[in-house]
Amino acid sequence: MPENSNNENNEIKNFLDGKYSPKGQEMWNKWYDRTDDFFDNMEVIQSDRSQLKKELRDIKKTNNVIALHYKNWAVAASLVFLIGLSVFFYQSSNSIENKQLTAKLGEHAQITLSDGTQIWLNAGSILKYPKEFKGDTREVYLSGEAFFDVAKDKKHPFIIHTNKMDTKVLGTSFNVQAYPEQTTQEVSVLTGKVNVKSTVTEENVYVTPGQKVVFKSNDNKLQAFKDIPVNTISLWRKNIMVFEETPLPEVVATINRNYNVSIEIKNKNLNALKISAYFKELPADQVIGLVCNIINAEYKMDSGIYKID
């Protein structure tokens, strides 16, 4: 049996034995939610099957896992073991078909997907994508920022999921910025036509070259902007940082990601400030110094951390 399966089964058994295990808890919850379905389909459990089924239903009514009689723990463990084979082998088979690309702090990454789509990842970003696209759509998941040059396929729309937006295209090039910790997410279009939908409100907007749409977390609204210079889209690929009325905490987060440094804002009053600036291929300390000049602050290095006060 594969090592991963043994580890999963041990996690379940430890949880059933009363030993706390986050993974075991997660696996139990997935099994717990589907108990009736599995009982109806499985013929392996023979002894105490009806009693165990009744007790598990009682557990669901009371949400008290401890209520399961001790004599049936072994049976339950066996059932979880068998369910694990069906559920988690299914998940494992899916995971074999899915991959993940990560751009580490201070680095960029690039990939060409199976359909020919090219993607550039900015620092501190994660892209989840299938080994091969199947079905009616081509779907990927992004946390962070990426530039997409999507291969044209009118029959199979390309969809990028972030935690606040779904971006749908047939074949075009555009930039998606969707770092989860930021208050805004945005899509800027270089070529073609892009549909952006809020997963919060279902509001959707079409964006064309030289336009961008911004999702604002403070009001959950999508706002479209025109006359965006196309030569400013995805300048991060050239190691250029552009800030337009950007809150200082987000400026600091961007510098931290791009340079793999640590910056702390000691004077919390500075957090309310916004910055508009353009930094091209400068070392970290110069960028931090220029930011401090803009906000009339100073910084010092302390134990490897830039501290702004």
C-alpha atoms as a PDB file:
ATOM      1  CA  MET A   1       0.000   0.000   0.000  1.00  0.00           C
ATOM      2  CA  PRO A   2       1.375   3.485  -0.835  1.00  0.00           C
ATOM      3  CA  GLU A   3       3.054   5.306   2.015  1.00  0.00           C
ATOM      4  CA  ASN A   4       0.600   8.222   1.764  1.00  0.00           C
ATOM      5  CA  SER A   5      -2.314   5.870   2.371  1.00  0.00           C
ATOM      6  CA  ASN A   6      -0.641   4.435   5.463  1.00  0.00           C
ATOM      7  CA  ASN A   7      -0.045   7.934   6.788  1.00  0.00           C
ATOM      8  CA  GLU A   8      -3.674   8.899   6.139  1.00  0.00           C
ATOM      9  CA  ASN A   9      -4.961   5.779   7.868  1.00  0.00           C
ATOM     10  CA  ASN A  10      -2.698   6.408  10.872  1.00  0.00           C
ATOM     11  CA  GLU A  11      -4.034   9.956  11.104  1.00  0.00           C
ATOM     12  CA  ILE A  12      -7.600   8.638  11.221  1.00  0.00           C
ATOM     13  CA  LYS A  13      -6.775   5.975  13.805  1.00  0.00           C
ATOM     14  CA  ASN A  14      -4.971   8.477  16.027  1.00  0.00           C
ATOM     15  CA  PHE A  15      -7.992  10.770  15.872  1.00  0.00           C
ATOM     16  CA  LEU A  16     -10.371   7.933  16.720  1.00  0.00           C
ATOM     17  CA  ASP A  17      -8.122   6.968  19.616  1.00  0.00           C
ATOM     18  CA  GLY A  18      -8.571  10.439  21.077  1.00  0.00           C
ATOM     19  CA  LYS A  19      -5.178  11.789  19.978  1.00  0.00           C
ATOM     20  CA  TYR A  20      -5.636  15.205  18.414  1.00  0.00           C
ATOM     21  CA  SER A  21      -4.609  15.303  14.781  1.00  0.00           C
ATOM     22  CA  PRO A  22      -5.563  18.200  12.449  1.00  0.00           C
ATOM     23  CA  LYS A  23      -5.292  15.891   9.437  1.00  0.00           C
ATOM     24  CA  GLY A  24      -7.287  13.183  11.182  1.00  0.00           C
ATOM     25  CA  GLN A  25      -9.947  15.743  12.110  1.00  0.00           C
ATOM     26  CA  GLU A  26     -10.168  16.886   8.494  1.00  0.00           C
ATOM     27  CA  MET A  27     -10.448  13.322   7.189  1.00  0.00           C
ATOM     28  CA  TRP A  28     -13.071  12.425   9.812  1.00  0.00           C
ATOM     29  CA  ASN A  29     -15.139  15.489   8.874  1.00  0.00           C
ATOM     30  CA  LYS A  30     -15.125  14.546   5.191  1.00  0.00           C
ATOM     31  CA  TRP A  31     -16.158  11.001   6.034  1.00  0.00           C
ATOM     32  CA  TYR A  32     -18.651  12.107   8.676  1.00  0.00           C
ATOM     33  CA  ASP A  33     -20.573  14.256   6.221  1.00  0.00           C
ATOM     34  CA  ARG A  34     -21.070  11.304   3.874  1.00  0.00           C
ATOM     35  CA  THR A  35     -21.711   8.442   6.303  1.00  0.00           C
ATOM     36  CA  ASP A  36     -25.146   7.445   5.000  1.00  0.00           C
ATOM     37  CA  ASP A  37     -24.002   7.351   1.391  1.00  0.00           C
ATOM     38  CA  PHE A  38     -21.097   5.082   2.215  1.00  0.00           C
ATOM     39  CA  PHE A  39     -23.156   2.759   4.385  1.00  0.00           C
ATOM     40  CA  ASP A  40     -25.640   2.316   1.558  1.00  0.00           C
ATOM     41  CA  ASN A  41     -22.890   1.388  -0.884  1.00  0.00           C
ATOM     42  CA  MET A  42     -20.549  -0.764   1.207  1.00  0.00           C
ATOM     43  CA  GLU A  43     -20.945  -4.427   1.987  1.00  0.00           C
ATOM     44  CA  VAL A  44     -17.642  -4.960   3.785  1.00  0.00           C
ATOM     45  CA  ILE A  45     -18.742  -4.136   7.312  1.00  0.00           C
ATOM     46  CA  GLN A  46     -20.685  -7.068   8.704  1.00  0.00           C
ATOM     47  CA  SER A  47     -20.584  -7.101  12.487  1.00  0.00           C
ATOM     48  CA  ASP A  48     -22.581  -4.492  14.403  1.00  0.00           C
ATOM     49  CA  ARG A  49     -23.331  -2.749  11.100  1.00  0.00           C
ATOM     50  CA  SER A  50     -26.888  -1.674  11.917  1.00  0.00           C
ATOM     51  CA  GLN A  51     -25.988  -0.603  15.459  1.00  0.00           C
ATOM     52  CA  LEU A  52     -22.999   1.369  14.241  1.00  0.00           C
ATOM     53  CA  LYS A  53     -25.106   3.065  11.595  1.00  0.00           C
ATOM     54  CA  LYS A  54     -27.674   4.040  14.233  1.00  0.00           C
ATOM     55  CA  GLU A  55     -25.004   5.425  16.563  1.00  0.00           C
ATOM     56  CA  LEU A  56     -23.411   7.460  13.801  1.00  0.00           C
ATOM     57  CA  ARG A  57     -26.793   8.958  12.978  1.00  0.00           C
ATOM     58  CA  ASP A  58     -27.200   9.793  16.661  1.00  0.00           C
ATOM     59  CA  ILE A  59     -23.804  11.465  16.592  1.00  0.00           C
ATOM     60  CA  LYS A  60     -24.946  13.648  13.735  1.00  0.00           C
ATOM     61  CA  LYS A  61     -27.987  14.705  15.741  1.00  0.00           C
ATOM     62  CA  THR A  62     -25.994  15.544  18.863  1.00  0.00           C
ATOM     63  CA  ASN A  63     -22.637  16.531  17.286  1.00  0.00           C
ATOM     64  CA  ASN A  64     -21.018  14.449  20.011  1.00  0.00           C
ATOM     65  CA  VAL A  65     -18.360  12.200  18.537  1.00  0.00           C
ATOM     66  CA  ILE A  66     -17.534  10.765  21.973  1.00  0.00           C
ATOM     67  CA  ALA A  67     -20.992   9.152  22.073  1.00  0.00           C
ATOM     68  CA  LEU A  68     -19.808   6.289  19.855  1.00  0.00           C
ATOM     69  CA  HIS A  69     -19.536   3.159  22.008  1.00  0.00           C
ATOM     70  CA  TYR A  70     -16.006   1.958  22.556  1.00  0.00           C
ATOM     71  CA  LYS A  71     -16.720  -1.560  21.279  1.00  0.00           C
ATOM     72  CA  ASN A  72     -17.494  -0.073  17.897  1.00  0.00           C
ATOM     73  CA  TRP A  73     -14.379   2.095  17.585  1.00  0.00           C
ATOM     74  CA  ALA A  74     -12.551  -0.718  15.827  1.00  0.00           C
ATOM     75  CA  VAL A  75     -15.415  -1.163  13.387  1.00  0.00           C
ATOM     76  CA  ALA A  76     -15.570   2.579  12.842  1.00  0.00           C
ATOM     77  CA  ALA A  77     -11.830   2.663  12.293  1.00  0.00           C
ATOM     78  CA  SER A  78     -12.176  -0.110   9.732  1.00  0.00           C
ATOM     79  CA  LEU A  79     -14.962   1.766   8.020  1.00  0.00           C
ATOM     80  CA  VAL A  80     -12.913   4.960   7.937  1.00  0.00           C
ATOM     81  CA  PHE A  81     -10.012   2.943   6.573  1.00  0.00           C
ATOM     82  CA  LEU A  82     -12.160   1.614   3.726  1.00  0.00           C
ATOM     83  CA  ILE A  83     -13.772   4.971   3.091  1.00  0.00           C
ATOM     84  CA  GLY A  84     -10.294   6.427   3.045  1.00  0.00           C
ATOM     85  CA  LEU A  85      -9.416   4.075   0.223  1.00  0.00           C
ATOM     86  CA  SER A  86     -12.332   5.314  -1.864  1.00  0.00           C
ATOM     87  CA  VAL A  87     -12.323   9.032  -0.976  1.00  0.00           C
ATOM     88  CA  PHE A  88      -8.642   9.733  -0.629  1.00  0.00           C
ATOM     89  CA  PHE A  89      -7.452   7.537  -3.465  1.00  0.00           C
ATOM     90  CA  TYR A  90      -9.971   9.428  -5.582  1.00  0.00           C
ATOM     91  CA  GLN A  91      -8.521  12.697  -4.348  1.00  0.00           C
ATOM     92  CA  SER A  92      -5.006  11.412  -4.906  1.00  0.00           C
ATOM     93  CA  SER A  93      -5.839  10.399  -8.460  1.00  0.00           C
ATOM     94  CA  ASN A  94      -7.141  13.916  -9.031  1.00  0.00           C
ATOM     95  CA  SER A  95      -4.092  15.497  -7.440  1.00  0.00           C
ATOM     96  CA  ILE A  96      -1.867  13.562  -9.842  1.00  0.00           C
ATOM     97  CA  GLU A  97      -3.580  15.492 -12.652  1.00  0.00           C
ATOM     98  CA  ASN A  98      -3.160  18.849 -10.923  1.00  0.00           C
ATOM     99  CA  LYS A  99      -0.002  20.815 -10.353  1.00  0.00           C
ATOM    100  CA  GLN A 100       1.132  23.909  -8.504  1.00  0.00           C
ATOM    101  CA  LEU A 101       3.655  26.559  -9.467  1.00  0.00           C
ATOM    102  CA  THR A 102       5.026  28.904  -6.806  1.00  0.00           C
ATOM    103  CA  ALA A 103       7.043  32.083  -7.287  1.00  0.00           C
ATOM    104  CA  LYS A 104       9.093  32.520  -4.137  1.00  0.00           C
ATOM    105  CA  LEU A 105       9.649  35.873  -2.458  1.00  0.00           C
ATOM    106  CA  GLY A 106      12.084  37.932  -4.484  1.00  0.00           C
ATOM    107  CA  GLU A 107      11.602  35.742  -7.572  1.00  0.00           C
ATOM    108  CA  HIS A 108       9.452  35.394 -10.691  1.00  0.00           C
ATOM    109  CA  ALA A 109       8.318  32.195 -12.394  1.00  0.00           C
ATOM    110  CA  GLN A 110       7.073  31.289 -15.868  1.00  0.00           C
ATOM    111  CA  ILE A 111       5.151  28.353 -17.315  1.00  0.00           C
ATOM    112  CA  THR A 112       3.473  27.212 -20.533  1.00  0.00           C
ATOM    113  CA  LEU A 113       0.310  25.164 -19.953  1.00  0.00           C
ATOM    114  CA  SER A 114      -0.820  22.171 -21.992  1.00  0.00           C
ATOM    115  CA  ASP A 115      -2.986  24.359 -24.273  1.00  0.00           C
ATOM    116  CA  GLY A 116      -0.118  26.714 -25.063  1.00  0.00           C
ATOM    117  CA  THR A 117      -1.161  29.441 -22.619  1.00  0.00           C
ATOM    118  CA  GLN A 118       1.854  31.287 -21.197  1.00  0.00           C
ATOM    119  CA  ILE A 119       1.819  32.595 -17.623  1.00  0.00           C
ATOM    120  CA  TRP A 120       4.301  34.744 -15.713  1.00  0.00           C
ATOM    121  CA  LEU A 121       4.042  34.702 -11.908  1.00  0.00           C
ATOM    122  CA  ASN A 122       5.060  37.624  -9.714  1.00  0.00           C
ATOM    123  CA  ALA A 123       6.846  37.158  -6.381  1.00  0.00           C
ATOM    124  CA  GLY A 124       4.910  35.470  -3.591  1.00  0.00           C
ATOM    125  CA  SER A 125       2.293  34.016  -5.951  1.00  0.00           C
ATOM    126  CA  ILE A 126       0.796  30.548  -6.377  1.00  0.00           C
ATOM    127  CA  LEU A 127      -0.827  29.076  -9.487  1.00  0.00           C
ATOM    128  CA  LYS A 128      -2.789  25.811  -9.416  1.00  0.00           C
ATOM    129  CA  TYR A 129      -3.475  24.253 -12.819  1.00  0.00           C
ATOM    130  CA  PRO A 130      -4.290  20.865 -14.383  1.00  0.00           C
ATOM    131  CA  LYS A 131      -1.680  18.776 -16.102  1.00  0.00           C
ATOM    132  CA  GLU A 132      -4.061  18.648 -19.055  1.00  0.00           C
ATOM    133  CA  PHE A 133      -7.286  20.542 -19.607  1.00  0.00           C
ATOM    134  CA  LYS A 134     -10.405  18.385 -19.844  1.00  0.00           C
ATOM    135  CA  GLY A 135     -14.079  19.246 -20.210  1.00  0.00           C
ATOM    136  CA  ASP A 136     -15.711  22.379 -21.550  1.00  0.00           C
ATOM    137  CA  THR A 137     -13.524  24.947 -19.766  1.00  0.00           C
ATOM    138  CA  ARG A 138      -9.880  25.624 -18.964  1.00  0.00           C
ATOM    139  CA  GLU A 139      -9.664  26.604 -15.306  1.00  0.00           C
ATOM    140  CA  VAL A 140      -6.780  27.649 -13.059  1.00  0.00           C
ATOM    141  CA  TYR A 141      -6.530  29.120  -9.549  1.00  0.00           C
ATOM    142  CA  LEU A 142      -4.363  32.105  -8.654  1.00  0.00           C
ATOM    143  CA  SER A 143      -3.250  33.598  -5.372  1.00  0.00           C
ATOM    144  CA  GLY A 144      -1.052  36.617  -6.006  1.00  0.00           C
ATOM    145  CA  GLU A 145      -0.241  38.268  -9.326  1.00  0.00           C
ATOM    146  CA  ALA A 146       0.280  36.904 -12.821  1.00  0.00           C
ATOM    147  CA  PHE A 147       0.336  37.959 -16.455  1.00  0.00           C
ATOM    148  CA  PHE A 148      -1.581  35.654 -18.807  1.00  0.00           C
ATOM    149  CA  ASP A 149      -1.154  35.226 -22.553  1.00  0.00           C
ATOM    150  CA  VAL A 150      -4.044  32.832 -23.149  1.00  0.00           C
ATOM    151  CA  ALA A 151      -4.078  30.534 -26.182  1.00  0.00           C
ATOM    152  CA  LYS A 152      -7.195  31.106 -28.291  1.00  0.00           C
ATOM    153  CA  ASP A 153      -9.896  28.454 -28.066  1.00  0.00           C
ATOM    154  CA  LYS A 154     -13.460  29.687 -28.630  1.00  0.00           C
ATOM    155  CA  LYS A 155     -14.959  26.356 -27.576  1.00  0.00           C
ATOM    156  CA  HIS A 156     -13.135  26.199 -24.237  1.00  0.00           C
ATOM    157  CA  PRO A 157     -13.192  29.437 -22.202  1.00  0.00           C
ATOM    158  CA  PHE A 158     -10.204  30.077 -19.946  1.00  0.00           C
ATOM    159  CA  ILE A 159     -11.150  30.978 -16.358  1.00  0.00           C
ATOM    160  CA  ILE A 160      -8.871  32.287 -13.595  1.00  0.00           C
ATOM    161  CA  HIS A 161     -10.295  31.896 -10.097  1.00  0.00           C
ATOM    162  CA  THR A 162      -9.099  34.127  -7.259  1.00  0.00           C
ATOM    163  CA  ASN A 163     -10.655  34.474  -3.811  1.00  0.00           C
ATOM    164  CA  LYS A 164     -12.789  37.446  -4.923  1.00  0.00           C
ATOM    165  CA  MET A 165     -13.019  37.290  -8.733  1.00  0.00           C
ATOM    166  CA  ASP A 166     -13.477  34.987 -11.703  1.00  0.00           C
ATOM    167  CA  THR A 167     -11.813  36.185 -14.899  1.00  0.00           C
ATOM    168  CA  LYS A 168     -13.082  34.580 -18.119  1.00  0.00           C
ATOM    169  CA  VAL A 169     -11.548  34.859 -21.598  1.00  0.00           C
ATOM    170  CA  LEU A 170     -11.349  32.970 -24.890  1.00  0.00           C
ATOM    171  CA  GLY A 171      -7.865  34.061 -25.865  1.00  0.00           C
ATOM    172  CA  THR A 172      -6.195  37.313 -24.852  1.00  0.00           C
ATOM    173  CA  SER A 173      -3.430  38.832 -22.701  1.00  0.00           C
ATOM    174  CA  PHE A 174      -3.945  40.578 -19.390  1.00  0.00           C
ATOM    175  CA  ASN A 175      -2.628  40.992 -15.855  1.00  0.00           C
ATOM    176  CA  VAL A 176      -4.380  39.764 -12.706  1.00  0.00           C
ATOM    177  CA  GLN A 177      -3.375  41.119  -9.304  1.00  0.00           C
ATOM    178  CA  ALA A 178      -5.053  39.257  -6.451  1.00  0.00           C
ATOM    179  CA  TYR A 179      -2.931  39.046  -3.329  1.00  0.00           C
ATOM    180  CA  PRO A 180      -5.367  37.871  -0.615  1.00  0.00           C
ATOM    181  CA  GLU A 181      -4.063  40.275   2.027  1.00  0.00           C
ATOM    182  CA  GLN A 182      -4.631  43.384  -0.112  1.00  0.00           C
ATOM    183  CA  THR A 183      -7.804  45.467   0.004  1.00  0.00           C
ATOM    184  CA  THR A 184      -8.099  45.533  -3.796  1.00  0.00           C
ATOM    185  CA  GLN A 185      -7.793  43.069  -6.661  1.00  0.00           C
ATOM    186  CA  GLU A 186      -7.577  44.112 -10.288  1.00  0.00           C
ATOM    187  CA  VAL A 187      -7.452  42.935 -13.890  1.00  0.00           C
ATOM    188  CA  SER A 188      -5.697  45.054 -16.555  1.00  0.00           C
ATOM    189  CA  VAL A 189      -6.135  44.142 -20.225  1.00  0.00           C
ATOM    190  CA  LEU A 190      -3.417  44.323 -22.867  1.00  0.00           C
ATOM    191  CA  THR A 191      -5.207  42.599 -25.761  1.00  0.00           C
ATOM    192  CA  GLY A 192      -8.641  41.099 -26.393  1.00  0.00           C
ATOM    193  CA  LYS A 193     -11.793  41.149 -24.287  1.00  0.00           C
ATOM    194  CA  VAL A 194     -12.052  39.959 -20.683  1.00  0.00           C
ATOM    195  CA  ASN A 195     -15.056  39.294 -18.450  1.00  0.00           C
ATOM    196  CA  VAL A 196     -14.504  39.816 -14.723  1.00  0.00           C
ATOM    197  CA  LYS A 197     -17.103  38.624 -12.225  1.00  0.00           C
ATOM    198  CA  SER A 198     -17.184  39.253  -8.501  1.00  0.00           C
ATOM    199  CA  THR A 199     -17.619  35.990  -6.608  1.00  0.00           C
ATOM    200  CA  VAL A 200     -18.958  38.056  -3.707  1.00  0.00           C
ATOM    201  CA  THR A 201     -21.848  39.850  -5.440  1.00  0.00           C
ATOM    202  CA  GLU A 202     -22.024  38.149  -8.889  1.00  0.00           C
ATOM    203  CA  GLU A 203     -21.534  41.598 -10.485  1.00  0.00           C
ATOM    204  CA  ASN A 204     -19.593  41.340 -13.753  1.00  0.00           C
ATOM    205  CA  VAL A 205     -17.804  43.753 -16.069  1.00  0.00           C
ATOM    206  CA  TYR A 206     -16.275  43.463 -19.549  1.00  0.00           C
ATOM    207  CA  VAL A 207     -12.826  44.976 -19.979  1.00  0.00           C
ATOM    208  CA  THR A 208     -10.993  45.748 -23.238  1.00  0.00           C
ATOM    209  CA  PRO A 209      -7.406  46.869 -24.064  1.00  0.00           C
ATOM    210  CA  GLY A 210      -6.307  49.924 -22.125  1.00  0.00           C
ATOM    211  CA  GLN A 211      -8.886  49.310 -19.417  1.00  0.00           C
ATOM    212  CA  LYS A 212      -8.828  47.710 -15.994  1.00  0.00           C
ATOM    213  CA  VAL A 213     -11.359  46.662 -13.395  1.00  0.00           C
ATOM    214  CA  VAL A 214     -10.732  46.905  -9.654  1.00  0.00           C
ATOM    215  CA  PHE A 215     -12.518  44.961  -6.923  1.00  0.00           C
ATOM    216  CA  LYS A 216     -12.610  46.897  -3.644  1.00  0.00           C
ATOM    217  CA  SER A 217     -13.086  44.875  -0.478  1.00  0.00           C
ATOM    218  CA  ASN A 218     -14.382  47.833   1.528  1.00  0.00           C
ATOM    219  CA  ASP A 219     -17.637  47.942  -0.471  1.00  0.00           C
ATOM    220  CA  ASN A 220     -17.426  44.713  -2.541  1.00  0.00           C
ATOM    221  CA  LYS A 221     -17.765  46.722  -5.745  1.00  0.00           C
ATOM    222  CA  LEU A 222     -16.199  46.320  -9.177  1.00  0.00           C
ATOM    223  CA  GLN A 223     -15.032  49.605 -10.680  1.00  0.00           C
ATOM    224  CA  ALA A 224     -13.851  49.986 -14.278  1.00  0.00           C
ATOM    225  CA  PHE A 225     -11.159  52.430 -15.424  1.00  0.00           C
ATOM    226  CA  LYS A 226     -10.340  53.598 -18.961  1.00  0.00           C
ATOM    227  CA  ASP A 227      -7.268  55.060 -20.658  1.00  0.00           C
ATOM    228  CA  ILE A 228      -4.750  52.819 -18.901  1.00  0.00           C
ATOM    229  CA  PRO A 229      -1.420  53.039 -20.826  1.00  0.00           C
ATOM    230  CA  VAL A 230      -0.892  49.499 -22.105  1.00  0.00           C
ATOM    231  CA  ASN A 231       2.871  49.879 -21.703  1.00  0.00           C
ATOM    232  CA  THR A 232       2.367  50.125 -17.933  1.00  0.00           C
ATOM    233  CA  ILE A 233       0.612  46.760 -17.661  1.00  0.00           C
ATOM    234  CA  SER A 234       2.678  44.084 -15.873  1.00  0.00           C
ATOM    235  CA  LEU A 235       5.752  46.297 -15.516  1.00  0.00           C
ATOM    236  CA  TRP A 236       6.722  44.043 -12.619  1.00  0.00           C
ATOM    237  CA  ARG A 237       8.031  41.611 -15.251  1.00  0.00           C
ATOM    238  CA  LYS A 238      10.740  44.212 -15.911  1.00  0.00           C
ATOM    239  CA  ASN A 239      11.400  44.648 -12.178  1.00  0.00           C
ATOM    240  CA  ILE A 240       9.546  47.960 -12.137  1.00  0.00           C
ATOM    241  CA  MET A 241       7.179  48.798  -9.284  1.00  0.00           C
ATOM    242  CA  VAL A 242       4.389  51.315  -9.873  1.00  0.00           C
ATOM    243  CA  PHE A 243       2.206  52.663  -7.070  1.00  0.00           C
ATOM    244  CA  GLU A 244      -0.849  54.833  -7.689  1.00  0.00           C
ATOM    245  CA  GLU A 245      -2.424  56.195  -4.513  1.00  0.00           C
ATOM    246  CA  THR A 246      -1.479  52.912  -2.866  1.00  0.00           C
ATOM    247  CA  PRO A 247      -1.865  52.601   0.932  1.00  0.00           C
ATOM    248  CA  LEU A 248       1.503  52.437   2.681  1.00  0.00           C
ATOM    249  CA  PRO A 249       0.893  48.936   4.149  1.00  0.00           C
ATOM    250  CA  GLU A 250       0.371  47.566   0.629  1.00  0.00           C
ATOM    251  CA  VAL A 251       3.476  49.383  -0.610  1.00  0.00           C
ATOM    252  CA  VAL A 252       5.457  47.745   2.196  1.00  0.00           C
ATOM    253  CA  ALA A 253       3.935  44.324   1.432  1.00  0.00           C
ATOM    254  CA  THR A 254       4.928  44.690  -2.234  1.00  0.00           C
ATOM    255  CA  ILE A 255       8.507  45.629  -1.355  1.00  0.00           C
ATOM    256  CA  ASN A 256       8.698  42.721   1.082  1.00  0.00           C
ATOM    257  CA  ARG A 257       7.571  40.274  -1.617  1.00  0.00           C
ATOM    258  CA  ASN A 258       9.685  41.653  -4.433  1.00  0.00           C
ATOM    259  CA  TYR A 259      12.909  41.899  -2.439  1.00  0.00           C
ATOM    260  CA  ASN A 260      12.332  39.138   0.123  1.00  0.00           C
ATOM    261  CA  VAL A 261      12.970  41.575   2.976  1.00  0.00           C
ATOM    262  CA  SER A 262      11.154  42.388   6.208  1.00  0.00           C
ATOM    263  CA  ILE A 263       9.798  45.890   6.807  1.00  0.00           C
ATOM    264  CA  GLU A 264       7.855  47.020   9.845  1.00  0.00           C
ATOM    265  CA  ILE A 265       5.956  50.294  10.236  1.00  0.00           C
ATOM    266  CA  LYS A 266       6.589  51.316  13.835  1.00  0.00           C
ATOM    267  CA  ASN A 267       4.634  54.571  13.630  1.00  0.00           C
ATOM    268  CA  LYS A 268       1.070  53.313  13.026  1.00  0.00           C
ATOM    269  CA  ASN A 269      -0.090  56.820  12.070  1.00  0.00           C
ATOM    270  CA  LEU A 270       1.792  56.327   8.801  1.00  0.00           C
ATOM    271  CA  ASN A 271      -0.534  53.492   7.758  1.00  0.00           C
ATOM    272  CA  ALA A 272      -3.164  55.996   6.622  1.00  0.00           C
ATOM    273  CA  LEU A 273      -0.826  57.495   4.013  1.00  0.00           C
ATOM    274  CA  LYS A 274      -1.005  56.681   0.289  1.00  0.00           C
ATOM    275  CA  ILE A 275       1.857  56.717  -2.161  1.00  0.00           C
ATOM    276  CA  SER A 276       2.230  57.339  -5.892  1.00  0.00           C
ATOM    277  CA  ALA A 277       5.681  56.412  -7.117  1.00  0.00           C
ATOM    278  CA  TYR A 278       7.700  54.570  -9.792  1.00  0.00           C
ATOM    279  CA  PHE A 279      10.753  52.468  -8.874  1.00  0.00           C
ATOM    280  CA  LYS A 280      12.876  50.868 -11.589  1.00  0.00           C
ATOM    281  CA  GLU A 281      15.449  48.187 -10.743  1.00  0.00           C
ATOM    282  CA  LEU A 282      16.675  49.799  -7.536  1.00  0.00           C
ATOM    283  CA  PRO A 283      18.127  47.902  -4.556  1.00  0.00           C
ATOM    284  CA  ALA A 284      15.841  47.425  -1.563  1.00  0.00           C
ATOM    285  CA  ASP A 285      17.493  49.959   0.737  1.00  0.00           C
ATOM    286  CA  GLN A 286      17.211  52.705  -1.896  1.00  0.00           C
ATOM    287  CA  VAL A 287      13.529  51.973  -2.483  1.00  0.00           C
ATOM    288  CA  ILE A 288      12.839  52.011   1.257  1.00  0.00           C
ATOM    289  CA  GLY A 289      14.804  55.262   1.610  1.00  0.00           C
ATOM    290  CA  LEU A 290      12.793  56.902  -1.182  1.00  0.00           C
ATOM    291  CA  VAL A 291       9.509  55.763   0.350  1.00  0.00           C
ATOM    292  CA  CYS A 292      10.588  57.278   3.666  1.00  0.00           C
ATOM    293  CA  ASN A 293      11.415  60.557   1.906  1.00  0.00           C
ATOM    294  CA  ILE A 294       7.937  60.626   0.372  1.00  0.00           C
ATOM    295  CA  ILE A 295       6.179  60.110   3.711  1.00  0.00           C
ATOM    296  CA  ASN A 296       8.663  62.225   5.703  1.00  0.00           C
ATOM    297  CA  ALA A 297       9.824  59.319   7.840  1.00  0.00           C
ATOM    298  CA  GLU A 298      13.063  57.536   8.671  1.00  0.00           C
ATOM    299  CA  TYR A 299      14.102  53.912   8.837  1.00  0.00           C
ATOM    300  CA  LYS A 300      16.743  51.921  10.631  1.00  0.00           C
ATOM    301  CA  MET A 301      17.932  48.351  10.360  1.00  0.00           C
ATOM    302  CA  ASP A 302      17.366  46.276  13.481  1.00  0.00           C
ATOM    303  CA  SER A 303      18.111  42.524  13.569  1.00  0.00           C
ATOM    304  CA  GLY A 304      17.687  42.261   9.797  1.00  0.00           C
ATOM    305  CA  ILE A 305      14.395  44.171   9.779  1.00  0.00           C
ATOM    306  CA  TYR A 306      13.810  47.577   8.208  1.00  0.00           C
ATOM    307  CA  LYS A 307      11.860  49.587  10.786  1.00  0.00           C
ATOM    308  CA  ILE A 308      10.080  52.737   9.602  1.00  0.00           C
ATOM    309  CA  ASP A 309       9.313  55.415  12.179  1.00  0.00           C
END
